[in-house]
Amino acid sequence: MQTIGSYAFYGCNGLTQVVFPDTLQRIENYAFSSCSQLTSVDFGDNCQLESIGFLAFRYCELLEITIPSSVTSIEIQAFLETGLTTVTIESETIYNSATSSSACGRLLQYATAVRVLADFARDDHEYINLTNYTSVDKKVVIDGKTYWVYTK
């Protein structure tokens, strides 16, 4: 199992983007926390990432993030104070899991747009709080995938 350990890149201000290997399975606590210049992360199309740790990306300047379908766990506040504006959720487990509600609550706190794969999106989205979003477009095609897009 490939892992990026706790504090691995903590405070690495020269880091602006990260392209993760497909074999990465875990990003541990604080791994990229306080990387104030980090604006882009790419998990790739064949991502095997399963979990993102506590405060893993805190104080980064990420504007957009895609949570891959392989992700089953996001620890609370993994994306605290990131400035995220667009969140794409391709993980049915994260979207429909009670254990992820507080993590996703923080993940979506400031986002102005949330995209959810249409294959599992539904009107009663009981675990992710989308009540602050005023509109939903249920058939948006992006890169060949159909999403529900919630906007504020």
C-alpha atoms as a PDB file:
ATOM      1  CA  MET A   1       0.000   0.000   0.000  1.00  0.00           C
ATOM      2  CA  GLN A   2       1.462   3.358  -1.024  1.00  0.00           C
ATOM      3  CA  THR A   3       0.982   6.101   1.527  1.00  0.00           C
ATOM      4  CA  ILE A   4       1.905   9.741   1.856  1.00  0.00           C
ATOM      5  CA  GLY A   5       2.710   9.926   5.540  1.00  0.00           C
ATOM      6  CA  SER A   6       1.647  12.405   8.174  1.00  0.00           C
ATOM      7  CA  TYR A   7       3.375  15.781   7.785  1.00  0.00           C
ATOM      8  CA  ALA A   8       5.214  14.536   4.656  1.00  0.00           C
ATOM      9  CA  PHE A   9       4.973  17.886   2.847  1.00  0.00           C
ATOM     10  CA  TYR A  10       3.813  20.045   5.751  1.00  0.00           C
ATOM     11  CA  GLY A  11       4.537  23.718   5.081  1.00  0.00           C
ATOM     12  CA  CYS A  12       6.191  23.052   1.724  1.00  0.00           C
ATOM     13  CA  ASN A  13       5.551  26.499   0.249  1.00  0.00           C
ATOM     14  CA  GLY A  14       7.312  25.793  -3.060  1.00  0.00           C
ATOM     15  CA  LEU A  15       4.804  23.084  -3.949  1.00  0.00           C
ATOM     16  CA  THR A  16       2.189  24.382  -6.426  1.00  0.00           C
ATOM     17  CA  GLN A  17       0.695  21.212  -7.916  1.00  0.00           C
ATOM     18  CA  VAL A  18       0.690  17.497  -7.240  1.00  0.00           C
ATOM     19  CA  VAL A  19      -0.082  14.632  -9.626  1.00  0.00           C
ATOM     20  CA  PHE A  20      -0.572  11.519  -7.550  1.00  0.00           C
ATOM     21  CA  PRO A  21       0.446   8.038  -8.762  1.00  0.00           C
ATOM     22  CA  ASP A  22      -2.414   5.629  -9.483  1.00  0.00           C
ATOM     23  CA  THR A  23      -1.050   3.283  -6.817  1.00  0.00           C
ATOM     24  CA  LEU A  24      -1.485   5.792  -3.964  1.00  0.00           C
ATOM     25  CA  GLN A  25      -3.980   4.486  -1.403  1.00  0.00           C
ATOM     26  CA  ARG A  26      -3.673   6.806   1.614  1.00  0.00           C
ATOM     27  CA  ILE A  27      -2.938  10.444   2.319  1.00  0.00           C
ATOM     28  CA  GLU A  28      -2.363  10.699   6.054  1.00  0.00           C
ATOM     29  CA  ASN A  29      -2.986  13.490   8.575  1.00  0.00           C
ATOM     30  CA  TYR A  30      -1.470  16.910   7.788  1.00  0.00           C
ATOM     31  CA  ALA A  31       0.337  15.492   4.723  1.00  0.00           C
ATOM     32  CA  PHE A  32       0.033  18.729   2.701  1.00  0.00           C
ATOM     33  CA  SER A  33      -1.154  21.052   5.451  1.00  0.00           C
ATOM     34  CA  SER A  34       0.115  24.635   5.226  1.00  0.00           C
ATOM     35  CA  CYS A  35       1.404  24.260   1.660  1.00  0.00           C
ATOM     36  CA  SER A  36       0.218  27.784   0.968  1.00  0.00           C
ATOM     37  CA  GLN A  37       1.100  27.729  -2.749  1.00  0.00           C
ATOM     38  CA  LEU A  38      -0.579  24.385  -3.527  1.00  0.00           C
ATOM     39  CA  THR A  39      -3.355  25.197  -6.004  1.00  0.00           C
ATOM     40  CA  SER A  40      -3.824  21.940  -7.951  1.00  0.00           C
ATOM     41  CA  VAL A  41      -4.067  18.233  -7.150  1.00  0.00           C
ATOM     42  CA  ASP A  42      -4.728  15.529  -9.739  1.00  0.00           C
ATOM     43  CA  PHE A  43      -5.680  12.029  -8.622  1.00  0.00           C
ATOM     44  CA  GLY A  44      -5.718  10.640 -12.178  1.00  0.00           C
ATOM     45  CA  ASP A  45      -8.222   8.452 -13.992  1.00  0.00           C
ATOM     46  CA  ASN A  46      -7.083   5.121 -12.481  1.00  0.00           C
ATOM     47  CA  CYS A  47      -6.820   6.345  -8.917  1.00  0.00           C
ATOM     48  CA  GLN A  48      -6.765   3.783  -6.091  1.00  0.00           C
ATOM     49  CA  LEU A  49      -6.856   6.368  -3.291  1.00  0.00           C
ATOM     50  CA  GLU A  50      -9.001   5.141  -0.408  1.00  0.00           C
ATOM     51  CA  SER A  51      -8.582   7.687   2.373  1.00  0.00           C
ATOM     52  CA  ILE A  52      -7.666  11.314   3.019  1.00  0.00           C
ATOM     53  CA  GLY A  53      -6.510  12.115   6.536  1.00  0.00           C
ATOM     54  CA  PHE A  54      -7.331  14.765   9.120  1.00  0.00           C
ATOM     55  CA  LEU A  55      -6.362  18.277   7.983  1.00  0.00           C
ATOM     56  CA  ALA A  56      -4.450  16.748   5.054  1.00  0.00           C
ATOM     57  CA  PHE A  57      -4.857  19.840   2.839  1.00  0.00           C
ATOM     58  CA  ARG A  58      -5.518  22.544   5.466  1.00  0.00           C
ATOM     59  CA  TYR A  59      -4.364  26.032   4.466  1.00  0.00           C
ATOM     60  CA  CYS A  60      -3.692  25.093   0.851  1.00  0.00           C
ATOM     61  CA  GLU A  61      -5.007  27.292  -1.960  1.00  0.00           C
ATOM     62  CA  LEU A  62      -7.006  24.584  -3.723  1.00  0.00           C
ATOM     63  CA  LEU A  63      -9.840  26.049  -5.762  1.00  0.00           C
ATOM     64  CA  GLU A  64     -11.186  22.825  -7.243  1.00  0.00           C
ATOM     65  CA  ILE A  65     -11.040  19.188  -6.174  1.00  0.00           C
ATOM     66  CA  THR A  66     -12.408  15.911  -7.537  1.00  0.00           C
ATOM     67  CA  ILE A  67     -13.001  13.173  -4.982  1.00  0.00           C
ATOM     68  CA  PRO A  68     -12.313   9.951  -6.943  1.00  0.00           C
ATOM     69  CA  SER A  69     -14.698   6.998  -6.899  1.00  0.00           C
ATOM     70  CA  SER A  70     -12.156   4.904  -4.976  1.00  0.00           C
ATOM     71  CA  VAL A  71     -12.259   7.163  -1.890  1.00  0.00           C
ATOM     72  CA  THR A  72     -14.148   5.618   1.026  1.00  0.00           C
ATOM     73  CA  SER A  73     -12.968   7.867   3.849  1.00  0.00           C
ATOM     74  CA  ILE A  74     -12.311  11.584   4.264  1.00  0.00           C
ATOM     75  CA  GLU A  75     -11.369  12.597   7.782  1.00  0.00           C
ATOM     76  CA  ILE A  76     -13.036  15.660   9.252  1.00  0.00           C
ATOM     77  CA  GLN A  77     -11.561  18.995   8.188  1.00  0.00           C
ATOM     78  CA  ALA A  78      -9.308  17.425   5.558  1.00  0.00           C
ATOM     79  CA  PHE A  79      -9.878  20.503   3.373  1.00  0.00           C
ATOM     80  CA  LEU A  80     -10.285  23.170   6.083  1.00  0.00           C
ATOM     81  CA  GLU A  81      -9.428  26.727   4.974  1.00  0.00           C
ATOM     82  CA  THR A  82      -8.577  25.774   1.400  1.00  0.00           C
ATOM     83  CA  GLY A  83     -10.701  28.253  -0.525  1.00  0.00           C
ATOM     84  CA  LEU A  84     -12.409  25.505  -2.547  1.00  0.00           C
ATOM     85  CA  THR A  85     -15.013  26.831  -4.953  1.00  0.00           C
ATOM     86  CA  THR A  86     -15.826  23.677  -6.955  1.00  0.00           C
ATOM     87  CA  VAL A  87     -16.056  20.173  -5.513  1.00  0.00           C
ATOM     88  CA  THR A  88     -16.702  17.157  -7.734  1.00  0.00           C
ATOM     89  CA  ILE A  89     -17.777  13.991  -5.936  1.00  0.00           C
ATOM     90  CA  GLU A  90     -17.314  10.771  -7.891  1.00  0.00           C
ATOM     91  CA  SER A  91     -17.359   8.549  -4.812  1.00  0.00           C
ATOM     92  CA  GLU A  92     -20.719   6.979  -4.065  1.00  0.00           C
ATOM     93  CA  THR A  93     -19.402   5.910  -0.661  1.00  0.00           C
ATOM     94  CA  ILE A  94     -18.579   9.494   0.318  1.00  0.00           C
ATOM     95  CA  TYR A  95     -21.846  10.835  -1.059  1.00  0.00           C
ATOM     96  CA  ASN A  96     -24.030   8.238   0.670  1.00  0.00           C
ATOM     97  CA  SER A  97     -22.095   7.505   3.856  1.00  0.00           C
ATOM     98  CA  ALA A  98     -23.182   8.730   7.274  1.00  0.00           C
ATOM     99  CA  THR A  99     -19.597   8.349   8.474  1.00  0.00           C
ATOM    100  CA  SER A 100     -18.490  10.986   5.972  1.00  0.00           C
ATOM    101  CA  SER A 101     -21.100  13.626   6.761  1.00  0.00           C
ATOM    102  CA  SER A 102     -18.924  15.859   8.914  1.00  0.00           C
ATOM    103  CA  ALA A 103     -15.943  15.598   6.559  1.00  0.00           C
ATOM    104  CA  CYS A 104     -18.077  16.462   3.578  1.00  0.00           C
ATOM    105  CA  GLY A 105     -19.746  19.233   5.514  1.00  0.00           C
ATOM    106  CA  ARG A 106     -16.397  20.967   5.801  1.00  0.00           C
ATOM    107  CA  LEU A 107     -15.472  19.991   2.265  1.00  0.00           C
ATOM    108  CA  LEU A 108     -18.536  21.776   0.938  1.00  0.00           C
ATOM    109  CA  GLN A 109     -18.593  24.662   3.402  1.00  0.00           C
ATOM    110  CA  TYR A 110     -17.367  27.336   1.008  1.00  0.00           C
ATOM    111  CA  ALA A 111     -17.828  25.731  -2.389  1.00  0.00           C
ATOM    112  CA  THR A 112     -20.080  27.633  -4.750  1.00  0.00           C
ATOM    113  CA  ALA A 113     -20.590  24.571  -6.960  1.00  0.00           C
ATOM    114  CA  VAL A 114     -20.841  20.875  -6.135  1.00  0.00           C
ATOM    115  CA  ARG A 115     -20.919  18.222  -8.853  1.00  0.00           C
ATOM    116  CA  VAL A 116     -22.155  14.718  -8.035  1.00  0.00           C
ATOM    117  CA  LEU A 117     -22.100  11.821 -10.501  1.00  0.00           C
ATOM    118  CA  ALA A 118     -25.662  11.312 -11.704  1.00  0.00           C
ATOM    119  CA  ASP A 119     -25.374   7.526 -11.300  1.00  0.00           C
ATOM    120  CA  PHE A 120     -25.926   7.836  -7.563  1.00  0.00           C
ATOM    121  CA  ALA A 121     -27.102  11.408  -6.938  1.00  0.00           C
ATOM    122  CA  ARG A 122     -30.618  11.734  -5.623  1.00  0.00           C
ATOM    123  CA  ASP A 123     -32.994  14.372  -4.318  1.00  0.00           C
ATOM    124  CA  ASP A 124     -32.886  13.306  -0.682  1.00  0.00           C
ATOM    125  CA  HIS A 125     -29.060  13.490  -0.371  1.00  0.00           C
ATOM    126  CA  GLU A 126     -29.397  12.687   3.330  1.00  0.00           C
ATOM    127  CA  TYR A 127     -25.732  12.722   4.342  1.00  0.00           C
ATOM    128  CA  ILE A 128     -24.226  15.664   2.507  1.00  0.00           C
ATOM    129  CA  ASN A 129     -25.714  18.988   3.496  1.00  0.00           C
ATOM    130  CA  LEU A 130     -26.627  20.743   0.268  1.00  0.00           C
ATOM    131  CA  THR A 131     -29.303  22.984   1.775  1.00  0.00           C
ATOM    132  CA  ASN A 132     -27.301  26.163   1.074  1.00  0.00           C
ATOM    133  CA  TYR A 133     -27.364  25.420  -2.645  1.00  0.00           C
ATOM    134  CA  THR A 134     -30.200  27.178  -4.445  1.00  0.00           C
ATOM    135  CA  SER A 135     -30.304  25.386  -7.773  1.00  0.00           C
ATOM    136  CA  VAL A 136     -29.598  22.000  -9.259  1.00  0.00           C
ATOM    137  CA  ASP A 137     -29.026  21.031 -12.879  1.00  0.00           C
ATOM    138  CA  LYS A 138     -29.410  17.268 -13.154  1.00  0.00           C
ATOM    139  CA  LYS A 139     -27.940  16.581 -16.578  1.00  0.00           C
ATOM    140  CA  VAL A 140     -24.612  18.338 -16.967  1.00  0.00           C
ATOM    141  CA  VAL A 141     -22.092  16.415 -19.080  1.00  0.00           C
ATOM    142  CA  ILE A 142     -18.434  17.100 -18.277  1.00  0.00           C
ATOM    143  CA  ASP A 143     -15.674  15.039 -19.890  1.00  0.00           C
ATOM    144  CA  GLY A 144     -18.205  12.397 -20.924  1.00  0.00           C
ATOM    145  CA  LYS A 145     -19.680  11.961 -17.416  1.00  0.00           C
ATOM    146  CA  THR A 146     -23.133  13.129 -16.362  1.00  0.00           C
ATOM    147  CA  TYR A 147     -23.423  15.083 -13.095  1.00  0.00           C
ATOM    148  CA  TRP A 148     -25.972  16.822 -10.949  1.00  0.00           C
ATOM    149  CA  VAL A 149     -24.552  20.290 -10.340  1.00  0.00           C
ATOM    150  CA  TYR A 150     -25.640  22.186  -7.246  1.00  0.00           C
ATOM    151  CA  THR A 151     -24.886  25.928  -7.175  1.00  0.00           C
ATOM    152  CA  LYS A 152     -25.326  28.721  -4.670  1.00  0.00           C
END
